[in-house]
Amino acid sequence: MNVNIQFKKGVLELCVLVLIGRRDRYGYELAQAVSRHIEVAEGALYPLLRRLVSEGYCTTYLQESTEGPPRKYYRLTDTGSHYTKKLTREWNDFVHHVASLLEEGNSDE
């Protein structure tokens, strides 16, 4: 799906938080999970993940891997869980209002 880059930037944080909230994940796994829904460069995730950790929304831990070096996993903190719920509510409100505006625009034609 070809999506405007600004749309992607705006929603990437929420997508990553939701995915980590479902279960702990490592960076490459997150990139694959997000890319199943929206195309995103793997390199775009790591600065976001560092910020989420520095802001206290996620923590990290290393776990041994059978396929190479240990992997850094990301886990949602309680603060991150509350923040994800808040962002989800805000996103749903935003989408609802934009959809309403678009519908009104279509009825004017």
N, C-alpha and C. Protein backbone atom coordinates (compact mmCIF):
# COMPACT_ATOMS: atom_id res chain seq x y z
N MET A 1 0.86 -1.18 0.00
CA MET A 1 0.00 0.00 0.00
C MET A 1 0.89 1.23 0.00
N ASN A 2 0.64 2.16 -0.89
CA ASN A 2 1.40 3.39 -0.98
C ASN A 2 0.73 4.45 -0.12
N VAL A 3 1.37 4.80 0.99
CA VAL A 3 0.79 5.75 1.95
C VAL A 3 1.72 6.95 2.07
N ASN A 4 1.15 8.12 2.16
CA ASN A 4 1.89 9.35 2.35
C ASN A 4 2.87 9.19 3.51
N ILE A 5 4.11 9.63 3.31
CA ILE A 5 5.16 9.46 4.31
C ILE A 5 4.81 10.15 5.63
N GLN A 6 4.13 11.28 5.58
CA GLN A 6 3.75 11.97 6.81
C GLN A 6 2.70 11.18 7.59
N PHE A 7 1.81 10.50 6.89
CA PHE A 7 0.84 9.63 7.57
C PHE A 7 1.57 8.54 8.34
N LYS A 8 2.57 7.94 7.67
CA LYS A 8 3.34 6.85 8.29
C LYS A 8 4.05 7.33 9.54
N LYS A 9 4.73 8.48 9.44
CA LYS A 9 5.47 9.01 10.58
C LYS A 9 4.53 9.26 11.76
N GLY A 10 3.34 9.74 11.46
CA GLY A 10 2.40 10.07 12.51
C GLY A 10 1.84 8.87 13.25
N VAL A 11 1.75 7.74 12.58
CA VAL A 11 1.11 6.57 13.18
C VAL A 11 2.11 5.48 13.58
N LEU A 12 3.36 5.60 13.18
CA LEU A 12 4.35 4.56 13.46
C LEU A 12 4.52 4.31 14.95
N GLU A 13 4.58 5.37 15.74
CA GLU A 13 4.74 5.21 17.19
C GLU A 13 3.60 4.37 17.77
N LEU A 14 2.38 4.68 17.39
CA LEU A 14 1.23 3.93 17.90
C LEU A 14 1.31 2.47 17.47
N CYS A 15 1.64 2.22 16.21
CA CYS A 15 1.74 0.84 15.72
C CYS A 15 2.78 0.04 16.51
N VAL A 16 3.94 0.64 16.74
CA VAL A 16 5.01 -0.03 17.47
C VAL A 16 4.58 -0.31 18.91
N LEU A 17 3.97 0.66 19.56
CA LEU A 17 3.52 0.46 20.94
C LEU A 17 2.48 -0.64 21.04
N VAL A 18 1.55 -0.67 20.10
CA VAL A 18 0.50 -1.70 20.11
C VAL A 18 1.13 -3.08 19.93
N LEU A 19 2.07 -3.20 19.01
CA LEU A 19 2.71 -4.49 18.77
C LEU A 19 3.52 -4.96 19.98
N ILE A 20 4.27 -4.05 20.60
CA ILE A 20 5.03 -4.42 21.79
C ILE A 20 4.09 -4.75 22.94
N GLY A 21 2.95 -4.07 22.99
CA GLY A 21 1.97 -4.34 24.03
C GLY A 21 1.37 -5.74 23.93
N ARG A 22 1.30 -6.26 22.73
CA ARG A 22 0.77 -7.62 22.53
C ARG A 22 1.73 -8.66 23.05
N ARG A 23 3.02 -8.43 22.79
CA ARG A 23 4.08 -9.30 23.33
C ARG A 23 5.43 -8.63 23.09
N ASP A 24 6.41 -8.98 23.90
CA ASP A 24 7.75 -8.43 23.75
C ASP A 24 8.29 -8.79 22.37
N ARG A 25 9.00 -7.85 21.77
CA ARG A 25 9.53 -8.06 20.42
C ARG A 25 10.90 -7.45 20.29
N TYR A 26 11.68 -7.94 19.32
CA TYR A 26 12.97 -7.34 19.00
C TYR A 26 12.81 -6.50 17.73
N GLY A 27 13.78 -5.65 17.47
CA GLY A 27 13.67 -4.65 16.41
C GLY A 27 13.30 -5.18 15.04
N TYR A 28 14.02 -6.18 14.56
CA TYR A 28 13.74 -6.69 13.22
C TYR A 28 12.34 -7.30 13.16
N GLU A 29 11.95 -7.98 14.22
CA GLU A 29 10.61 -8.57 14.29
C GLU A 29 9.54 -7.48 14.23
N LEU A 30 9.79 -6.37 14.91
CA LEU A 30 8.86 -5.23 14.85
C LEU A 30 8.76 -4.67 13.44
N ALA A 31 9.91 -4.52 12.79
CA ALA A 31 9.91 -4.00 11.42
C ALA A 31 9.09 -4.89 10.50
N GLN A 32 9.24 -6.20 10.64
CA GLN A 32 8.46 -7.12 9.82
C GLN A 32 6.97 -7.02 10.12
N ALA A 33 6.62 -6.94 11.40
CA ALA A 33 5.20 -6.88 11.79
C ALA A 33 4.54 -5.60 11.28
N VAL A 34 5.23 -4.48 11.41
CA VAL A 34 4.68 -3.21 10.92
C VAL A 34 4.56 -3.25 9.40
N SER A 35 5.59 -3.80 8.74
CA SER A 35 5.62 -3.82 7.27
C SER A 35 4.52 -4.69 6.67
N ARG A 36 3.94 -5.58 7.45
CA ARG A 36 2.81 -6.36 6.93
C ARG A 36 1.59 -5.47 6.71
N HIS A 37 1.58 -4.31 7.35
CA HIS A 37 0.43 -3.40 7.25
C HIS A 37 0.77 -2.11 6.52
N ILE A 38 1.94 -1.55 6.83
CA ILE A 38 2.39 -0.34 6.15
C ILE A 38 3.87 -0.48 5.85
N GLU A 39 4.28 -0.02 4.70
CA GLU A 39 5.69 -0.12 4.32
C GLU A 39 6.50 0.88 5.13
N VAL A 40 7.52 0.36 5.81
CA VAL A 40 8.37 1.22 6.64
C VAL A 40 9.80 0.70 6.58
N ALA A 41 10.74 1.63 6.52
CA ALA A 41 12.16 1.24 6.51
C ALA A 41 12.55 0.80 7.92
N GLU A 42 13.26 -0.32 7.99
CA GLU A 42 13.70 -0.84 9.29
C GLU A 42 14.48 0.21 10.07
N GLY A 43 15.29 0.99 9.36
CA GLY A 43 16.09 2.03 10.02
C GLY A 43 15.27 3.12 10.68
N ALA A 44 14.03 3.28 10.27
CA ALA A 44 13.17 4.30 10.86
C ALA A 44 12.70 3.90 12.26
N LEU A 45 12.73 2.61 12.55
CA LEU A 45 12.22 2.14 13.83
C LEU A 45 13.19 2.37 14.98
N TYR A 46 14.48 2.23 14.74
CA TYR A 46 15.44 2.25 15.84
C TYR A 46 15.52 3.60 16.56
N PRO A 47 15.51 4.73 15.87
CA PRO A 47 15.45 6.00 16.61
C PRO A 47 14.17 6.11 17.45
N LEU A 48 13.06 5.63 16.90
CA LEU A 48 11.79 5.64 17.63
C LEU A 48 11.88 4.76 18.87
N LEU A 49 12.44 3.56 18.72
CA LEU A 49 12.58 2.65 19.86
C LEU A 49 13.47 3.26 20.94
N ARG A 50 14.57 3.89 20.55
CA ARG A 50 15.45 4.55 21.54
C ARG A 50 14.68 5.63 22.30
N ARG A 51 13.88 6.39 21.57
CA ARG A 51 13.10 7.45 22.22
C ARG A 51 12.07 6.87 23.18
N LEU A 52 11.39 5.79 22.77
CA LEU A 52 10.39 5.17 23.64
C LEU A 52 11.02 4.65 24.93
N VAL A 53 12.22 4.14 24.83
CA VAL A 53 12.95 3.68 26.02
C VAL A 53 13.34 4.88 26.88
N SER A 54 13.90 5.91 26.26
CA SER A 54 14.36 7.07 27.03
C SER A 54 13.20 7.81 27.70
N GLU A 55 12.01 7.74 27.12
CA GLU A 55 10.84 8.39 27.72
C GLU A 55 10.12 7.49 28.73
N GLY A 56 10.63 6.28 28.90
CA GLY A 56 10.08 5.39 29.92
C GLY A 56 8.87 4.58 29.49
N TYR A 57 8.57 4.55 28.20
CA TYR A 57 7.42 3.79 27.71
C TYR A 57 7.77 2.32 27.48
N CYS A 58 9.05 2.05 27.28
CA CYS A 58 9.53 0.68 27.06
C CYS A 58 10.80 0.45 27.86
N THR A 59 11.06 -0.81 28.14
CA THR A 59 12.34 -1.23 28.67
C THR A 59 12.91 -2.26 27.70
N THR A 60 14.17 -2.60 27.88
CA THR A 60 14.80 -3.60 27.01
C THR A 60 15.46 -4.67 27.86
N TYR A 61 15.64 -5.81 27.25
CA TYR A 61 16.42 -6.89 27.85
C TYR A 61 16.99 -7.73 26.72
N LEU A 62 18.10 -8.40 27.01
CA LEU A 62 18.73 -9.26 26.02
C LEU A 62 18.28 -10.69 26.24
N GLN A 63 18.06 -11.39 25.14
CA GLN A 63 17.69 -12.80 25.20
C GLN A 63 18.52 -13.55 24.17
N GLU A 64 19.07 -14.67 24.59
CA GLU A 64 19.87 -15.49 23.69
C GLU A 64 19.04 -15.93 22.49
N SER A 65 19.72 -16.05 21.37
CA SER A 65 19.06 -16.48 20.13
C SER A 65 19.79 -17.71 19.59
N THR A 66 19.02 -18.63 19.03
CA THR A 66 19.63 -19.80 18.40
C THR A 66 20.21 -19.44 17.02
N GLU A 67 19.88 -18.25 16.53
CA GLU A 67 20.28 -17.83 15.18
C GLU A 67 21.28 -16.68 15.20
N GLY A 68 22.19 -16.65 16.17
CA GLY A 68 23.17 -15.58 16.20
C GLY A 68 23.32 -14.99 17.58
N PRO A 69 23.72 -13.71 17.61
CA PRO A 69 23.96 -13.06 18.91
C PRO A 69 22.65 -12.83 19.67
N PRO A 70 22.74 -12.50 20.96
CA PRO A 70 21.53 -12.21 21.73
C PRO A 70 20.75 -11.06 21.09
N ARG A 71 19.45 -11.12 21.25
CA ARG A 71 18.58 -10.08 20.68
C ARG A 71 18.09 -9.15 21.79
N LYS A 72 17.97 -7.87 21.42
CA LYS A 72 17.43 -6.89 22.36
C LYS A 72 15.92 -6.86 22.17
N TYR A 73 15.21 -7.24 23.21
CA TYR A 73 13.75 -7.23 23.19
C TYR A 73 13.23 -5.96 23.86
N TYR A 74 12.09 -5.52 23.39
CA TYR A 74 11.43 -4.34 23.94
C TYR A 74 10.16 -4.79 24.65
N ARG A 75 9.96 -4.23 25.84
CA ARG A 75 8.79 -4.57 26.65
C ARG A 75 8.12 -3.25 27.07
N LEU A 76 6.81 -3.23 27.01
CA LEU A 76 6.05 -2.06 27.43
C LEU A 76 6.09 -1.93 28.96
N THR A 77 6.28 -0.73 29.45
CA THR A 77 6.19 -0.46 30.88
C THR A 77 4.72 -0.16 31.21
N ASP A 78 4.40 -0.05 32.48
CA ASP A 78 3.04 0.37 32.86
C ASP A 78 2.74 1.74 32.28
N THR A 79 3.71 2.64 32.34
CA THR A 79 3.54 3.98 31.76
C THR A 79 3.28 3.87 30.26
N GLY A 80 4.02 2.99 29.60
CA GLY A 80 3.85 2.78 28.17
C GLY A 80 2.48 2.22 27.83
N SER A 81 1.99 1.34 28.68
CA SER A 81 0.66 0.77 28.47
C SER A 81 -0.42 1.84 28.57
N HIS A 82 -0.32 2.70 29.57
CA HIS A 82 -1.29 3.80 29.71
C HIS A 82 -1.18 4.76 28.53
N TYR A 83 0.06 5.05 28.13
CA TYR A 83 0.28 5.95 27.00
C TYR A 83 -0.30 5.37 25.71
N THR A 84 -0.14 4.07 25.51
CA THR A 84 -0.68 3.40 24.32
C THR A 84 -2.20 3.51 24.30
N LYS A 85 -2.84 3.31 25.43
CA LYS A 85 -4.30 3.43 25.50
C LYS A 85 -4.73 4.85 25.19
N LYS A 86 -4.01 5.83 25.71
CA LYS A 86 -4.32 7.24 25.44
C LYS A 86 -4.16 7.54 23.95
N LEU A 87 -3.04 7.11 23.36
CA LEU A 87 -2.82 7.35 21.93
C LEU A 87 -3.88 6.67 21.07
N THR A 88 -4.28 5.47 21.48
CA THR A 88 -5.31 4.73 20.73
C THR A 88 -6.63 5.49 20.75
N ARG A 89 -7.02 5.99 21.91
CA ARG A 89 -8.25 6.80 21.99
C ARG A 89 -8.14 8.03 21.10
N GLU A 90 -7.01 8.73 21.18
CA GLU A 90 -6.81 9.93 20.37
C GLU A 90 -6.84 9.59 18.87
N TRP A 91 -6.21 8.47 18.51
CA TRP A 91 -6.19 8.05 17.10
C TRP A 91 -7.60 7.75 16.62
N ASN A 92 -8.36 6.99 17.40
CA ASN A 92 -9.73 6.64 17.01
C ASN A 92 -10.61 7.88 16.86
N ASP A 93 -10.46 8.83 17.78
CA ASP A 93 -11.20 10.10 17.65
C ASP A 93 -10.80 10.84 16.38
N PHE A 94 -9.50 10.91 16.14
CA PHE A 94 -8.98 11.60 14.97
C PHE A 94 -9.52 10.98 13.68
N VAL A 95 -9.42 9.65 13.57
CA VAL A 95 -9.89 8.95 12.38
C VAL A 95 -11.39 9.18 12.19
N HIS A 96 -12.15 9.13 13.27
CA HIS A 96 -13.60 9.35 13.20
C HIS A 96 -13.89 10.75 12.65
N HIS A 97 -13.18 11.76 13.18
CA HIS A 97 -13.44 13.13 12.74
C HIS A 97 -13.02 13.36 11.29
N VAL A 98 -11.90 12.78 10.90
CA VAL A 98 -11.46 12.92 9.50
C VAL A 98 -12.46 12.22 8.57
N ALA A 99 -12.90 11.02 8.96
CA ALA A 99 -13.88 10.30 8.14
C ALA A 99 -15.17 11.10 8.02
N SER A 100 -15.59 11.72 9.11
CA SER A 100 -16.80 12.55 9.06
C SER A 100 -16.63 13.73 8.11
N LEU A 101 -15.48 14.36 8.19
CA LEU A 101 -15.21 15.49 7.31
C LEU A 101 -15.20 15.04 5.85
N LEU A 102 -14.59 13.90 5.57
CA LEU A 102 -14.55 13.39 4.20
C LEU A 102 -15.95 13.05 3.70
N GLU A 103 -16.76 12.46 4.57
CA GLU A 103 -18.15 12.14 4.19
C GLU A 103 -18.93 13.41 3.88
N GLU A 104 -18.76 14.42 4.72
CA GLU A 104 -19.45 15.70 4.46
C GLU A 104 -19.03 16.27 3.12
N GLY A 105 -17.73 16.15 2.82
CA GLY A 105 -17.21 16.65 1.55
C GLY A 105 -17.82 15.92 0.37
N ASN A 106 -18.04 14.63 0.50
CA ASN A 106 -18.63 13.83 -0.58
C ASN A 106 -20.10 14.16 -0.77
N SER A 107 -20.78 14.54 0.30
CA SER A 107 -22.21 14.84 0.18
C SER A 107 -22.46 16.22 -0.44
N ASP A 108 -21.39 17.06 -0.47
CA ASP A 108 -21.51 18.39 -1.07
C ASP A 108 -21.46 18.34 -2.60
N GLU A 109 -21.05 17.22 -3.14
CA GLU A 109 -20.88 17.14 -4.60
C GLU A 109 -22.18 16.95 -5.33
